[in-house]
Amino acid sequence: MLEPSERQLLLKMARDAITAAVNKREYVLPKDLPGNLLQSGASFVTLTKNGELRGCVGTLSAHQPLYLDTVENARHAAFDDGRFDEVSKEDLGNIHIEVSVLSIPLPRHLRSTYDVLDMLRREKPGLILRYGYHQATFLPQVWEQISGAEEFLSRLCMKAGLASRAWEDKETAKKIHYDTYIVQKFEE
């Protein structure tokens, strides 16, 4: 768990990295970062504008220091999320930043679709769905926008490039792999 001062520093670093990129300047990292930010970590950075999604990019597994992962994901959310135009100077003042630090994803060996739905209803976790070359994730925050486990799973299947009800097909369901995770979420 990150301390409040570490959470604020990550938010500031994300904003400063986006601002520097918009202004075509090099971003200079702060010195003497706290030890927790130097540890390997996985994060997602979500940008909203007027309450609407404006970009969301992240990593599912820790492969670099948390501060670097967050800074890179902030830039990618602002400039490389193909669903949106790049963040402009005019956008900067209206962009709201949220950072989610992920736990290590845990494989879930569930025997049936009923078990998957039951687990989703009880835990409301972040979920990674994998089927062959298809993969998608929803952060736990997505539960705030979705009415139930069936809708959550259907939308996640679509995000992965599968049919929305692929999870109901017995043959497909046998080959779907699920990992769950929790996040420490904080925002400006």
C-alpha atoms as a PDB file:
ATOM      1  CA  MET A   1       0.000   0.000   0.000  1.00  0.00           C
ATOM      2  CA  LEU A   2       1.287   3.414  -0.922  1.00  0.00           C
ATOM      3  CA  GLU A   3       1.376   6.244   1.573  1.00  0.00           C
ATOM      4  CA  PRO A   4      -0.735   9.357   0.849  1.00  0.00           C
ATOM      5  CA  SER A   5       2.410  11.351  -0.004  1.00  0.00           C
ATOM      6  CA  GLU A   6       3.511   8.642  -2.476  1.00  0.00           C
ATOM      7  CA  ARG A   7       0.083   8.622  -4.129  1.00  0.00           C
ATOM      8  CA  GLN A   8       0.179  12.409  -4.489  1.00  0.00           C
ATOM      9  CA  LEU A   9       3.677  12.240  -5.951  1.00  0.00           C
ATOM     10  CA  LEU A  10       2.607   9.671  -8.565  1.00  0.00           C
ATOM     11  CA  LEU A  11      -0.356  11.860  -9.555  1.00  0.00           C
ATOM     12  CA  LYS A  12       1.915  14.895  -9.839  1.00  0.00           C
ATOM     13  CA  MET A  13       4.428  12.942 -11.913  1.00  0.00           C
ATOM     14  CA  ALA A  14       1.659  11.736 -14.249  1.00  0.00           C
ATOM     15  CA  ARG A  15       0.359  15.284 -14.736  1.00  0.00           C
ATOM     16  CA  ASP A  16       3.856  16.740 -15.179  1.00  0.00           C
ATOM     17  CA  ALA A  17       4.760  14.071 -17.761  1.00  0.00           C
ATOM     18  CA  ILE A  18       1.624  14.810 -19.793  1.00  0.00           C
ATOM     19  CA  THR A  19       2.144  18.577 -19.520  1.00  0.00           C
ATOM     20  CA  ALA A  20       5.783  18.297 -20.626  1.00  0.00           C
ATOM     21  CA  ALA A  21       4.809  16.156 -23.624  1.00  0.00           C
ATOM     22  CA  VAL A  22       2.010  18.530 -24.673  1.00  0.00           C
ATOM     23  CA  ASN A  23       4.493  21.419 -24.511  1.00  0.00           C
ATOM     24  CA  LYS A  24       7.142  19.371 -26.392  1.00  0.00           C
ATOM     25  CA  ARG A  25       9.547  19.507 -23.460  1.00  0.00           C
ATOM     26  CA  GLU A  26      11.539  16.783 -21.817  1.00  0.00           C
ATOM     27  CA  TYR A  27      10.109  15.541 -18.541  1.00  0.00           C
ATOM     28  CA  VAL A  28      12.624  15.569 -15.695  1.00  0.00           C
ATOM     29  CA  LEU A  29      11.963  13.078 -12.920  1.00  0.00           C
ATOM     30  CA  PRO A  30      12.056  14.286  -9.330  1.00  0.00           C
ATOM     31  CA  LYS A  31      15.094  13.279  -7.287  1.00  0.00           C
ATOM     32  CA  ASP A  32      15.098  11.085  -4.189  1.00  0.00           C
ATOM     33  CA  LEU A  33      11.962   9.090  -4.911  1.00  0.00           C
ATOM     34  CA  PRO A  34      10.482   7.068  -2.030  1.00  0.00           C
ATOM     35  CA  GLY A  35      11.409   3.389  -1.974  1.00  0.00           C
ATOM     36  CA  ASN A  36       7.879   2.137  -2.748  1.00  0.00           C
ATOM     37  CA  LEU A  37       7.924   3.992  -6.065  1.00  0.00           C
ATOM     38  CA  LEU A  38      11.255   2.391  -6.964  1.00  0.00           C
ATOM     39  CA  GLN A  39       9.839  -1.123  -6.546  1.00  0.00           C
ATOM     40  CA  SER A  40       8.531  -3.001  -9.565  1.00  0.00           C
ATOM     41  CA  GLY A  41       4.869  -2.242 -10.075  1.00  0.00           C
ATOM     42  CA  ALA A  42       2.015  -2.316 -12.582  1.00  0.00           C
ATOM     43  CA  SER A  43      -0.328   0.605 -13.038  1.00  0.00           C
ATOM     44  CA  PHE A  44      -3.137   1.991 -15.153  1.00  0.00           C
ATOM     45  CA  VAL A  45      -3.613   5.695 -15.769  1.00  0.00           C
ATOM     46  CA  THR A  46      -7.144   6.808 -16.587  1.00  0.00           C
ATOM     47  CA  LEU A  47      -7.878  10.264 -17.952  1.00  0.00           C
ATOM     48  CA  THR A  48     -11.340  11.782 -17.911  1.00  0.00           C
ATOM     49  CA  LYS A  49     -12.629  15.065 -19.242  1.00  0.00           C
ATOM     50  CA  ASN A  50     -15.928  16.424 -17.908  1.00  0.00           C
ATOM     51  CA  GLY A  51     -16.599  13.022 -16.364  1.00  0.00           C
ATOM     52  CA  GLU A  52     -16.143  11.135 -19.655  1.00  0.00           C
ATOM     53  CA  LEU A  53     -13.328   8.705 -20.425  1.00  0.00           C
ATOM     54  CA  ARG A  54     -10.524  10.448 -22.319  1.00  0.00           C
ATOM     55  CA  GLY A  55      -7.823   7.756 -22.231  1.00  0.00           C
ATOM     56  CA  CYS A  56      -6.834   4.688 -20.270  1.00  0.00           C
ATOM     57  CA  VAL A  57      -3.596   2.745 -20.640  1.00  0.00           C
ATOM     58  CA  GLY A  58      -1.774   0.420 -18.305  1.00  0.00           C
ATOM     59  CA  THR A  59       0.210  -2.696 -17.674  1.00  0.00           C
ATOM     60  CA  LEU A  60      -0.987  -5.927 -16.120  1.00  0.00           C
ATOM     61  CA  SER A  61       2.268  -7.194 -14.695  1.00  0.00           C
ATOM     62  CA  ALA A  62       5.134  -5.451 -12.960  1.00  0.00           C
ATOM     63  CA  HIS A  63       8.192  -5.184 -15.185  1.00  0.00           C
ATOM     64  CA  GLN A  64       9.742  -1.860 -14.199  1.00  0.00           C
ATOM     65  CA  PRO A  65       9.763   0.594 -11.263  1.00  0.00           C
ATOM     66  CA  LEU A  66       6.271   1.802 -10.382  1.00  0.00           C
ATOM     67  CA  TYR A  67       7.113   5.490 -10.924  1.00  0.00           C
ATOM     68  CA  LEU A  68       8.345   4.776 -14.469  1.00  0.00           C
ATOM     69  CA  ASP A  69       5.361   2.558 -15.267  1.00  0.00           C
ATOM     70  CA  THR A  70       3.001   5.325 -14.134  1.00  0.00           C
ATOM     71  CA  VAL A  71       4.787   8.081 -16.070  1.00  0.00           C
ATOM     72  CA  GLU A  72       4.853   5.998 -19.266  1.00  0.00           C
ATOM     73  CA  ASN A  73       1.206   4.991 -18.925  1.00  0.00           C
ATOM     74  CA  ALA A  74       0.199   8.621 -18.348  1.00  0.00           C
ATOM     75  CA  ARG A  75       1.887   9.629 -21.598  1.00  0.00           C
ATOM     76  CA  HIS A  76       0.353   6.698 -23.469  1.00  0.00           C
ATOM     77  CA  ALA A  77      -3.118   7.454 -22.084  1.00  0.00           C
ATOM     78  CA  ALA A  78      -2.758  11.057 -23.274  1.00  0.00           C
ATOM     79  CA  PHE A  79      -1.277  10.375 -26.710  1.00  0.00           C
ATOM     80  CA  ASP A  80      -1.554   6.716 -27.715  1.00  0.00           C
ATOM     81  CA  ASP A  81      -5.035   5.514 -26.750  1.00  0.00           C
ATOM     82  CA  GLY A  82      -6.389   4.948 -30.262  1.00  0.00           C
ATOM     83  CA  ARG A  83      -9.956   5.627 -29.154  1.00  0.00           C
ATOM     84  CA  PHE A  84      -9.206   9.326 -28.621  1.00  0.00           C
ATOM     85  CA  ASP A  85      -7.359  12.268 -30.146  1.00  0.00           C
ATOM     86  CA  GLU A  86      -4.128  13.298 -28.460  1.00  0.00           C
ATOM     87  CA  VAL A  87      -4.463  15.556 -25.435  1.00  0.00           C
ATOM     88  CA  SER A  88      -3.933  19.176 -26.478  1.00  0.00           C
ATOM     89  CA  LYS A  89      -2.852  22.277 -24.549  1.00  0.00           C
ATOM     90  CA  GLU A  90      -6.514  23.291 -24.444  1.00  0.00           C
ATOM     91  CA  ASP A  91      -7.430  19.953 -22.851  1.00  0.00           C
ATOM     92  CA  LEU A  92      -4.869  20.091 -20.037  1.00  0.00           C
ATOM     93  CA  GLY A  93      -6.913  22.148 -17.605  1.00  0.00           C
ATOM     94  CA  ASN A  94      -9.945  19.885 -18.013  1.00  0.00           C
ATOM     95  CA  ILE A  95      -8.194  16.530 -17.754  1.00  0.00           C
ATOM     96  CA  HIS A  96      -8.665  14.602 -14.500  1.00  0.00           C
ATOM     97  CA  ILE A  97      -6.100  11.893 -13.664  1.00  0.00           C
ATOM     98  CA  GLU A  98      -6.685   8.628 -11.831  1.00  0.00           C
ATOM     99  CA  VAL A  99      -3.939   6.105 -11.096  1.00  0.00           C
ATOM    100  CA  SER A 100      -4.606   2.467 -10.247  1.00  0.00           C
ATOM    101  CA  VAL A 101      -1.766   0.357  -8.853  1.00  0.00           C
ATOM    102  CA  LEU A 102      -2.472  -3.312  -9.491  1.00  0.00           C
ATOM    103  CA  SER A 103      -1.881  -6.286  -7.261  1.00  0.00           C
ATOM    104  CA  ILE A 104      -0.285  -9.345  -8.810  1.00  0.00           C
ATOM    105  CA  PRO A 105      -2.973 -11.007 -10.972  1.00  0.00           C
ATOM    106  CA  LEU A 106      -4.038 -14.388  -9.600  1.00  0.00           C
ATOM    107  CA  PRO A 107      -5.171 -17.198 -11.906  1.00  0.00           C
ATOM    108  CA  ARG A 108      -8.654 -18.406 -11.057  1.00  0.00           C
ATOM    109  CA  HIS A 109      -9.341 -22.054 -11.752  1.00  0.00           C
ATOM    110  CA  LEU A 110     -13.107 -22.014 -11.902  1.00  0.00           C
ATOM    111  CA  ARG A 111     -15.001 -25.113 -12.950  1.00  0.00           C
ATOM    112  CA  SER A 112     -18.044 -23.566 -14.586  1.00  0.00           C
ATOM    113  CA  THR A 113     -19.560 -20.374 -15.898  1.00  0.00           C
ATOM    114  CA  TYR A 114     -21.751 -20.383 -12.789  1.00  0.00           C
ATOM    115  CA  ASP A 115     -18.577 -20.330 -10.634  1.00  0.00           C
ATOM    116  CA  VAL A 116     -17.201 -17.399 -12.661  1.00  0.00           C
ATOM    117  CA  LEU A 117     -20.409 -15.384 -12.271  1.00  0.00           C
ATOM    118  CA  ASP A 118     -20.643 -16.228  -8.577  1.00  0.00           C
ATOM    119  CA  MET A 119     -17.051 -15.093  -7.967  1.00  0.00           C
ATOM    120  CA  LEU A 120     -17.646 -11.861  -9.918  1.00  0.00           C
ATOM    121  CA  ARG A 121     -20.806 -11.066  -7.947  1.00  0.00           C
ATOM    122  CA  ARG A 122     -19.120 -11.660  -4.590  1.00  0.00           C
ATOM    123  CA  GLU A 123     -15.715 -10.066  -5.180  1.00  0.00           C
ATOM    124  CA  LYS A 124     -16.174  -7.474  -7.958  1.00  0.00           C
ATOM    125  CA  PRO A 125     -12.458  -7.725  -8.844  1.00  0.00           C
ATOM    126  CA  GLY A 126     -10.447  -6.482 -11.765  1.00  0.00           C
ATOM    127  CA  LEU A 127     -10.572  -9.260 -14.338  1.00  0.00           C
ATOM    128  CA  ILE A 128      -8.257 -10.394 -17.111  1.00  0.00           C
ATOM    129  CA  LEU A 129      -9.900 -12.652 -19.687  1.00  0.00           C
ATOM    130  CA  ARG A 130      -7.701 -14.732 -22.004  1.00  0.00           C
ATOM    131  CA  TYR A 131      -8.839 -16.957 -24.857  1.00  0.00           C
ATOM    132  CA  GLY A 132      -6.160 -18.023 -27.313  1.00  0.00           C
ATOM    133  CA  TYR A 133      -4.680 -14.803 -28.688  1.00  0.00           C
ATOM    134  CA  HIS A 134      -7.567 -12.728 -27.349  1.00  0.00           C
ATOM    135  CA  GLN A 135      -7.080 -10.813 -24.112  1.00  0.00           C
ATOM    136  CA  ALA A 136      -8.805  -7.953 -22.323  1.00  0.00           C
ATOM    137  CA  THR A 137      -9.149  -6.530 -18.838  1.00  0.00           C
ATOM    138  CA  PHE A 138     -11.510  -4.359 -16.869  1.00  0.00           C
ATOM    139  CA  LEU A 139     -10.339  -2.533 -13.765  1.00  0.00           C
ATOM    140  CA  PRO A 140     -12.510  -2.979 -10.657  1.00  0.00           C
ATOM    141  CA  GLN A 141     -13.793   0.578 -11.176  1.00  0.00           C
ATOM    142  CA  VAL A 142     -15.761  -0.642 -14.206  1.00  0.00           C
ATOM    143  CA  TRP A 143     -18.203  -2.257 -11.763  1.00  0.00           C
ATOM    144  CA  GLU A 144     -19.459   1.278 -10.999  1.00  0.00           C
ATOM    145  CA  GLN A 145     -20.727   1.560 -14.597  1.00  0.00           C
ATOM    146  CA  ILE A 146     -22.072  -1.954 -15.172  1.00  0.00           C
ATOM    147  CA  SER A 147     -25.259  -3.460 -13.803  1.00  0.00           C
ATOM    148  CA  GLY A 148     -24.116  -7.008 -13.077  1.00  0.00           C
ATOM    149  CA  ALA A 149     -21.763  -9.930 -13.587  1.00  0.00           C
ATOM    150  CA  GLU A 150     -23.319 -11.057 -16.894  1.00  0.00           C
ATOM    151  CA  GLU A 151     -22.964  -7.587 -18.425  1.00  0.00           C
ATOM    152  CA  PHE A 152     -19.408  -7.255 -17.053  1.00  0.00           C
ATOM    153  CA  LEU A 153     -18.390 -10.561 -18.627  1.00  0.00           C
ATOM    154  CA  SER A 154     -20.189  -9.853 -21.913  1.00  0.00           C
ATOM    155  CA  ARG A 155     -18.550  -6.459 -22.345  1.00  0.00           C
ATOM    156  CA  LEU A 156     -15.165  -7.908 -21.462  1.00  0.00           C
ATOM    157  CA  CYS A 157     -15.620 -10.617 -24.113  1.00  0.00           C
ATOM    158  CA  MET A 158     -16.415  -7.920 -26.697  1.00  0.00           C
ATOM    159  CA  LYS A 159     -13.376  -5.903 -25.625  1.00  0.00           C
ATOM    160  CA  ALA A 160     -11.282  -9.053 -26.201  1.00  0.00           C
ATOM    161  CA  GLY A 161     -12.694  -9.389 -29.720  1.00  0.00           C
ATOM    162  CA  LEU A 162     -15.023 -12.283 -28.903  1.00  0.00           C
ATOM    163  CA  ALA A 163     -18.775 -12.578 -29.234  1.00  0.00           C
ATOM    164  CA  SER A 164     -20.464 -10.868 -26.301  1.00  0.00           C
ATOM    165  CA  ARG A 165     -21.901 -14.102 -24.940  1.00  0.00           C
ATOM    166  CA  ALA A 166     -18.847 -16.269 -25.701  1.00  0.00           C
ATOM    167  CA  TRP A 167     -18.616 -17.071 -21.996  1.00  0.00           C
ATOM    168  CA  GLU A 168     -21.930 -18.954 -22.258  1.00  0.00           C
ATOM    169  CA  ASP A 169     -20.776 -21.324 -25.012  1.00  0.00           C
ATOM    170  CA  LYS A 170     -19.660 -24.527 -23.261  1.00  0.00           C
ATOM    171  CA  GLU A 171     -16.747 -25.278 -25.604  1.00  0.00           C
ATOM    172  CA  THR A 172     -15.458 -21.696 -25.560  1.00  0.00           C
ATOM    173  CA  ALA A 173     -15.955 -21.375 -21.794  1.00  0.00           C
ATOM    174  CA  LYS A 174     -13.662 -24.379 -21.201  1.00  0.00           C
ATOM    175  CA  LYS A 175     -10.816 -22.523 -22.918  1.00  0.00           C
ATOM    176  CA  ILE A 176     -11.246 -19.105 -21.300  1.00  0.00           C
ATOM    177  CA  HIS A 177      -8.714 -18.303 -18.585  1.00  0.00           C
ATOM    178  CA  TYR A 178      -9.444 -15.761 -15.868  1.00  0.00           C
ATOM    179  CA  ASP A 179      -7.055 -13.844 -13.612  1.00  0.00           C
ATOM    180  CA  THR A 180      -8.282 -11.447 -10.949  1.00  0.00           C
ATOM    181  CA  TYR A 181      -6.614  -8.527  -9.227  1.00  0.00           C
ATOM    182  CA  ILE A 182      -7.375  -5.631  -6.930  1.00  0.00           C
ATOM    183  CA  VAL A 183      -6.145  -2.060  -7.207  1.00  0.00           C
ATOM    184  CA  GLN A 184      -5.160   0.810  -5.009  1.00  0.00           C
ATOM    185  CA  LYS A 185      -6.943   3.662  -6.790  1.00  0.00           C
ATOM    186  CA  PHE A 186      -6.334   7.362  -6.231  1.00  0.00           C
ATOM    187  CA  GLU A 187      -7.102  10.510  -8.172  1.00  0.00           C
ATOM    188  CA  GLU A 188      -6.578  14.213  -8.303  1.00  0.00           C
END
